[in-house]
Protein backbone atom coordinates (compact mmCIF):
# COMPACT_ATOMS: atom_id res chain seq x y z
CA GLN A 1 109.84 110.24 112.83
CA VAL A 2 110.31 109.50 108.79
CA GLN A 3 113.88 108.60 107.98
CA LEU A 4 115.02 108.16 104.44
CA VAL A 5 118.05 106.14 103.51
CA GLU A 6 119.34 106.38 100.39
CA SER A 7 121.53 103.61 98.59
CA GLY A 8 122.88 102.20 95.35
CA GLY A 9 125.48 104.93 94.45
CA GLY A 10 129.02 104.03 93.00
CA LEU A 11 131.58 104.72 90.51
CA VAL A 12 130.35 103.96 86.69
CA GLN A 13 131.97 104.36 83.42
CA PRO A 14 129.92 106.74 80.68
CA GLY A 15 127.17 105.00 79.46
CA GLY A 16 126.89 102.59 82.53
CA SER A 17 123.96 102.28 84.68
CA LEU A 18 123.06 102.64 88.31
CA ARG A 19 120.02 101.90 90.12
CA LEU A 20 119.34 104.01 93.53
CA SER A 21 116.96 102.99 96.17
CA CYS A 22 115.28 105.05 98.94
CA ALA A 23 113.97 103.37 102.12
CA ALA A 24 111.48 105.14 104.17
CA SER A 25 110.46 104.84 107.45
CA GLY A 26 106.93 106.06 108.71
CA SER A 27 103.52 106.01 107.37
CA ILE A 28 103.71 109.29 105.44
CA PHE A 29 105.75 107.59 102.80
CA ARG A 30 102.82 106.11 101.24
CA ILE A 31 100.73 109.33 100.74
CA ALA A 32 103.71 111.51 100.08
CA PRO A 33 104.90 112.65 96.35
CA MET A 34 108.45 111.74 96.38
CA GLY A 35 111.49 113.11 94.33
CA TRP A 36 115.11 112.53 93.75
CA TYR A 37 117.31 115.22 94.12
CA ARG A 38 120.99 115.76 93.36
CA GLN A 39 123.40 118.30 94.23
CA ALA A 40 126.99 118.54 92.41
CA PRO A 41 130.34 120.36 93.98
CA GLY A 42 129.42 124.12 93.47
CA ASN A 43 126.01 123.64 92.67
CA GLN A 44 122.68 123.89 94.35
CA ARG A 45 120.53 120.89 94.77
CA GLU A 46 118.65 120.20 92.33
CA LEU A 47 115.14 118.05 91.70
CA VAL A 48 116.13 115.35 89.02
CA ALA A 49 112.65 113.22 89.23
CA TYR A 50 109.38 113.21 90.65
CA ILE A 51 106.72 110.64 91.09
CA THR A 52 103.06 111.19 92.85
CA SER A 53 102.01 109.05 96.04
CA SER A 54 100.13 106.80 93.50
CA GLY A 55 103.05 106.29 91.16
CA VAL A 56 101.01 107.10 88.27
CA THR A 57 102.60 110.36 86.98
CA THR A 58 106.38 111.21 86.74
CA LYS A 59 108.13 113.88 85.79
CA TYR A 60 111.76 114.88 85.10
CA ALA A 61 114.29 117.61 84.80
CA GLY A 62 115.26 117.85 81.31
CA SER A 63 118.89 116.86 81.68
CA VAL A 64 117.90 113.42 82.66
CA LYS A 65 114.77 112.79 80.75
CA GLY A 66 114.78 109.63 78.51
CA ARG A 67 117.68 108.21 80.43
CA PHE A 68 116.29 108.11 84.37
CA THR A 69 113.04 106.26 85.71
CA ILE A 70 111.75 107.04 88.96
CA SER A 71 109.55 104.19 90.29
CA ARG A 72 107.91 103.44 93.83
CA ASP A 73 106.99 100.46 96.07
CA ASN A 74 104.52 101.55 98.34
CA ALA A 75 104.57 98.04 100.10
CA LYS A 76 108.21 98.01 100.70
CA ASN A 77 108.20 101.75 101.30
CA THR A 78 111.14 102.27 98.80
CA VAL A 79 111.21 104.59 95.78
CA TYR A 80 113.73 103.76 93.16
CA LEU A 81 115.99 105.90 90.38
CA GLN A 82 117.02 103.60 87.60
CA MET A 83 119.66 105.81 85.82
CA ASN A 84 120.90 105.05 82.13
CA SER A 85 123.29 106.09 79.96
CA LEU A 86 125.04 107.92 82.71
CA LYS A 87 127.32 110.99 81.81
CA PRO A 88 130.21 112.85 83.73
CA GLU A 89 127.74 115.45 84.38
CA ASP A 90 125.44 112.90 86.40
CA THR A 91 128.38 112.85 88.95
CA ALA A 92 126.67 114.35 92.14
CA VAL A 93 125.40 113.29 95.91
CA TYR A 94 121.76 111.99 95.24
CA TYR A 95 119.25 112.27 97.66
CA CYS A 96 115.44 111.37 97.75
CA ASN A 97 112.77 113.64 99.60
CA THR A 98 109.47 114.66 99.56
CA ASP A 99 108.00 116.98 96.61
CA PRO A 100 107.62 119.74 98.28
CA VAL A 101 111.02 119.25 100.13
CA THR A 102 110.69 118.44 103.86
CA THR A 103 113.69 120.27 105.37
CA SER A 104 114.03 117.46 108.29
CA TYR A 105 113.78 114.68 105.92
CA TRP A 106 117.25 115.00 104.50
CA GLY A 107 119.23 111.74 104.40
CA GLN A 108 123.14 111.38 103.92
CA GLY A 109 122.51 110.79 100.33
CA THR A 110 124.53 108.58 98.21
CA GLN A 111 127.40 109.35 95.75
CA VAL A 112 127.42 108.72 91.98
CA THR A 113 130.49 109.38 90.15
CA VAL A 114 130.54 108.89 86.37
CA SER A 115 134.09 108.71 85.14
CA SER A 116 136.22 106.55 82.83
């Protein structure tokens, strides 16, 4: 059974940085394209970053392009999201999952709050 555990969130001032981690159990991780998603209060969950199983190809939502970087370490079954130049509108709960989403894989997420 696959379990995804997100960590690394917190409170940061505008312009600051955070690095999120998603630790995965289960062998499927190494063959699965992965995504980081976020959900702000009152909004639908959205995909912000995507990475192929090999890590060669990445894609980003327009709102985070140039500020966020997704990466993965298949030896550690972990995917990362480096977030720089954070803005208040980046405030949300961040989740990782496969892309396309596997509903049963949703974890608790990690809260990111950008505020002065």
